[in-house]
C-alpha atoms as a PDB file:
ATOM      1  CA  MET A   1      61.893  76.236 109.315  1.00  0.00           C
ATOM      2  CA  THR A   2      64.931  75.664 111.512  1.00  0.00           C
ATOM      3  CA  ALA A   3      63.354  77.677 114.336  1.00  0.00           C
ATOM      4  CA  PHE A   4      60.181  75.593 114.063  1.00  0.00           C
ATOM      5  CA  VAL A   5      62.130  72.326 114.203  1.00  0.00           C
ATOM      6  CA  ALA A   6      64.255  73.572 117.109  1.00  0.00           C
ATOM      7  CA  LYS A   7      61.133  74.560 119.052  1.00  0.00           C
ATOM      8  CA  ASN A   8      59.327  71.267 118.443  1.00  0.00           C
ATOM      9  CA  THR A   9      62.330  69.173 119.451  1.00  0.00           C
ATOM     10  CA  GLU A  10      63.050  71.303 122.548  1.00  0.00           C
ATOM     11  CA  ARG A  11      66.396  72.389 121.205  1.00  0.00           C
ATOM     12  CA  ARG A  12      68.248  75.488 122.275  1.00  0.00           C
ATOM     13  CA  HIS A  13      68.652  78.695 120.300  1.00  0.00           C
ATOM     14  CA  VAL A  14      65.112  78.950 118.965  1.00  0.00           C
ATOM     15  CA  ASN A  15      65.158  82.744 119.261  1.00  0.00           C
ATOM     16  CA  GLN A  16      68.465  83.045 117.406  1.00  0.00           C
ATOM     17  CA  TRP A  17      67.107  80.982 114.506  1.00  0.00           C
ATOM     18  CA  ARG A  18      63.907  83.029 114.487  1.00  0.00           C
ATOM     19  CA  GLY A  19      65.945  86.215 114.371  1.00  0.00           C
ATOM     20  CA  LEU A  20      67.992  84.967 111.419  1.00  0.00           C
ATOM     21  CA  SER A  21      64.815  83.865 109.643  1.00  0.00           C
ATOM     22  CA  LEU A  22      63.318  87.313 110.158  1.00  0.00           C
ATOM     23  CA  LEU A  23      66.460  89.009 108.848  1.00  0.00           C
ATOM     24  CA  PHE A  24      66.464  86.910 105.687  1.00  0.00           C
ATOM     25  CA  LEU A  25      62.749  87.568 105.199  1.00  0.00           C
ATOM     26  CA  LEU A  26      63.291  91.323 105.570  1.00  0.00           C
ATOM     27  CA  ALA A  27      66.226  91.210 103.150  1.00  0.00           C
ATOM     28  CA  ALA A  28      64.071  89.383 100.590  1.00  0.00           C
ATOM     29  CA  ILE A  29      61.228  91.893 100.996  1.00  0.00           C
ATOM     30  CA  ASP A  30      63.691  94.771 100.660  1.00  0.00           C
ATOM     31  CA  GLU A  31      65.134  93.316  97.479  1.00  0.00           C
ATOM     32  CA  MET A  32      61.730  92.547  95.984  1.00  0.00           C
ATOM     33  CA  ALA A  33      60.244  95.966  96.809  1.00  0.00           C
ATOM     34  CA  GLN A  34      63.564  97.778  96.208  1.00  0.00           C
ATOM     35  CA  LEU A  35      63.166  99.662  99.470  1.00  0.00           C
ATOM     36  CA  HIS A  36      66.876 100.407  99.649  1.00  0.00           C
ATOM     37  CA  ASP A  37      66.544 102.406  96.411  1.00  0.00           C
ATOM     38  CA  LYS A  38      64.004 104.670  98.092  1.00  0.00           C
ATOM     39  CA  ILE A  39      66.383 105.776 100.862  1.00  0.00           C
ATOM     40  CA  PRO A  40      67.183 109.445 100.197  1.00  0.00           C
ATOM     41  CA  SER A  41      70.796 110.124  99.316  1.00  0.00           C
ATOM     42  CA  SER A  42      73.026 112.414  97.388  1.00  0.00           C
ATOM     43  CA  SER A  43      73.939 111.327  93.891  1.00  0.00           C
ATOM     44  CA  HIS A  44      77.545 111.183  92.830  1.00  0.00           C
ATOM     45  CA  GLY A  45      77.013 112.404  89.286  1.00  0.00           C
ATOM     46  CA  ASP A  46      76.563 108.910  87.900  1.00  0.00           C
ATOM     47  CA  GLY A  47      73.346 108.333  89.822  1.00  0.00           C
ATOM     48  CA  ALA A  48      75.019 105.991  92.305  1.00  0.00           C
ATOM     49  CA  SER A  49      73.757 106.175  95.847  1.00  0.00           C
ATOM     50  CA  SER A  50      75.635 104.834  98.836  1.00  0.00           C
ATOM     51  CA  HIS A  51      73.656 105.926 101.896  1.00  0.00           C
ATOM     52  CA  TRP A  52      71.714 102.647 101.984  1.00  0.00           C
ATOM     53  CA  ILE A  53      75.001 100.741 102.037  1.00  0.00           C
ATOM     54  CA  VAL A  54      76.194 102.677 105.084  1.00  0.00           C
ATOM     55  CA  LEU A  55      72.837 102.143 106.793  1.00  0.00           C
ATOM     56  CA  TYR A  56      72.859  98.408 106.093  1.00  0.00           C
ATOM     57  CA  LEU A  57      76.494  98.060 107.203  1.00  0.00           C
ATOM     58  CA  GLY A  58      75.474  99.549 110.548  1.00  0.00           C
ATOM     59  CA  VAL A  59      72.634  97.055 110.855  1.00  0.00           C
ATOM     60  CA  LEU A  60      74.991  94.243 109.852  1.00  0.00           C
ATOM     61  CA  ALA A  61      77.512  95.302 112.512  1.00  0.00           C
ATOM     62  CA  VAL A  62      74.872  95.308 115.267  1.00  0.00           C
ATOM     63  CA  VAL A  63      73.435  91.952 114.192  1.00  0.00           C
ATOM     64  CA  GLY A  64      76.921  90.506 113.801  1.00  0.00           C
ATOM     65  CA  LEU A  65      77.859  91.521 117.334  1.00  0.00           C
ATOM     66  CA  ALA A  66      74.613  90.091 118.660  1.00  0.00           C
ATOM     67  CA  TYR A  67      75.229  86.764 116.912  1.00  0.00           C
ATOM     68  CA  VAL A  68      79.001  86.329 117.315  1.00  0.00           C
ATOM     69  CA  ARG A  69      78.683  84.064 120.356  1.00  0.00           C
ATOM     70  CA  PHE A  70      75.906  82.050 118.728  1.00  0.00           C
ATOM     71  CA  PHE A  71      77.892  81.488 115.518  1.00  0.00           C
ATOM     72  CA  PHE A  72      81.315  80.787 116.993  1.00  0.00           C
ATOM     73  CA  VAL A  73      80.670  79.293 120.440  1.00  0.00           C
ATOM     74  CA  GLU A  74      77.194  77.841 120.854  1.00  0.00           C
ATOM     75  CA  LEU A  75      76.642  76.146 117.492  1.00  0.00           C
ATOM     76  CA  PRO A  76      77.905  72.576 117.283  1.00  0.00           C
ATOM     77  CA  LYS A  77      81.087  72.147 115.235  1.00  0.00           C
ATOM     78  CA  ARG A  78      79.312  70.057 112.611  1.00  0.00           C
ATOM     79  CA  VAL A  79      76.926  72.961 111.890  1.00  0.00           C
ATOM     80  CA  ARG A  80      79.589  75.691 111.778  1.00  0.00           C
END
Protein backbone atom coordinates (compact mmCIF):
# COMPACT_ATOMS: atom_id res chain seq x y z
CA MET A 1 0.00 0.00 0.00
CA THR A 2 2.76 2.42 0.93
CA ALA A 3 4.64 1.64 -2.29
CA PHE A 4 1.47 2.29 -4.30
CA VAL A 5 0.89 5.64 -2.58
CA ALA A 6 4.55 6.62 -2.98
CA LYS A 7 4.43 5.80 -6.70
CA ASN A 8 1.19 7.70 -7.34
CA THR A 9 2.39 10.81 -5.51
CA GLU A 10 5.83 10.73 -7.18
CA ARG A 11 7.58 10.19 -3.89
CA ARG A 12 11.01 8.68 -3.50
CA HIS A 13 11.84 5.21 -2.25
CA VAL A 14 9.12 3.31 -4.08
CA ASN A 15 11.42 0.33 -4.63
CA GLN A 16 12.41 0.17 -0.96
CA TRP A 17 8.75 0.09 0.10
CA ARG A 18 8.01 -2.56 -2.51
CA GLY A 19 10.89 -4.64 -1.22
CA LEU A 20 9.63 -4.41 2.36
CA SER A 21 6.11 -5.29 1.22
CA LEU A 22 7.45 -8.34 -0.60
CA LEU A 23 9.44 -9.44 2.45
CA PHE A 24 6.40 -9.21 4.71
CA LEU A 25 4.31 -11.09 2.15
CA LEU A 26 6.92 -13.86 1.94
CA ALA A 27 7.13 -14.05 5.74
CA ALA A 28 3.34 -14.39 5.95
CA ILE A 29 3.31 -17.12 3.28
CA ASP A 30 6.13 -18.93 5.07
CA GLU A 31 4.28 -18.82 8.37
CA MET A 32 0.98 -19.90 6.84
CA ALA A 33 2.49 -22.78 4.83
CA GLN A 34 5.07 -23.58 7.55
CA LEU A 35 7.82 -23.70 4.94
CA HIS A 36 10.50 -23.13 7.56
CA ASP A 37 9.48 -26.43 9.20
CA LYS A 38 10.25 -28.25 5.96
CA ILE A 39 13.90 -27.14 5.85
CA PRO A 40 16.00 -30.26 6.51
CA SER A 41 17.96 -30.17 9.75
CA SER A 42 19.38 -32.32 12.45
CA SER A 43 17.23 -32.82 15.51
CA HIS A 44 18.62 -32.14 18.93
CA GLY A 45 16.87 -35.00 20.70
CA ASP A 46 13.86 -32.90 21.61
CA GLY A 47 12.81 -32.46 18.00
CA ALA A 48 13.97 -28.84 17.89
CA SER A 49 15.44 -27.68 14.63
CA SER A 50 17.58 -24.59 14.25
CA HIS A 51 18.84 -24.62 10.67
CA TRP A 52 15.95 -22.44 9.48
CA ILE A 53 16.85 -19.86 12.12
CA VAL A 54 20.43 -19.66 10.85
CA LEU A 55 19.19 -19.40 7.27
CA TYR A 56 16.73 -16.63 8.12
CA LEU A 57 19.32 -14.74 10.18
CA GLY A 58 21.53 -14.68 7.09
CA VAL A 59 18.68 -13.31 5.00
CA LEU A 60 17.91 -10.76 7.72
CA ALA A 61 21.55 -9.62 7.80
CA VAL A 62 21.65 -9.10 4.02
CA VAL A 63 18.32 -7.26 3.97
CA GLY A 64 19.32 -5.21 7.01
CA LEU A 65 22.53 -4.09 5.33
CA ALA A 66 20.64 -3.24 2.16
CA TYR A 67 18.12 -1.13 4.10
CA VAL A 68 20.32 0.54 6.73
CA ARG A 69 20.70 3.77 4.75
CA PHE A 70 16.99 3.83 3.91
CA PHE A 71 15.93 3.36 7.55
CA PHE A 72 18.42 5.65 9.25
CA VAL A 73 19.27 8.34 6.69
CA GLU A 74 16.69 8.71 3.94
CA LEU A 75 13.43 8.35 5.87
CA PRO A 76 12.07 11.58 7.32
CA LYS A 77 12.47 11.90 11.10
CA ARG A 78 8.72 11.85 11.66
CA VAL A 79 8.50 8.40 10.03
CA ARG A 80 11.49 6.87 11.84
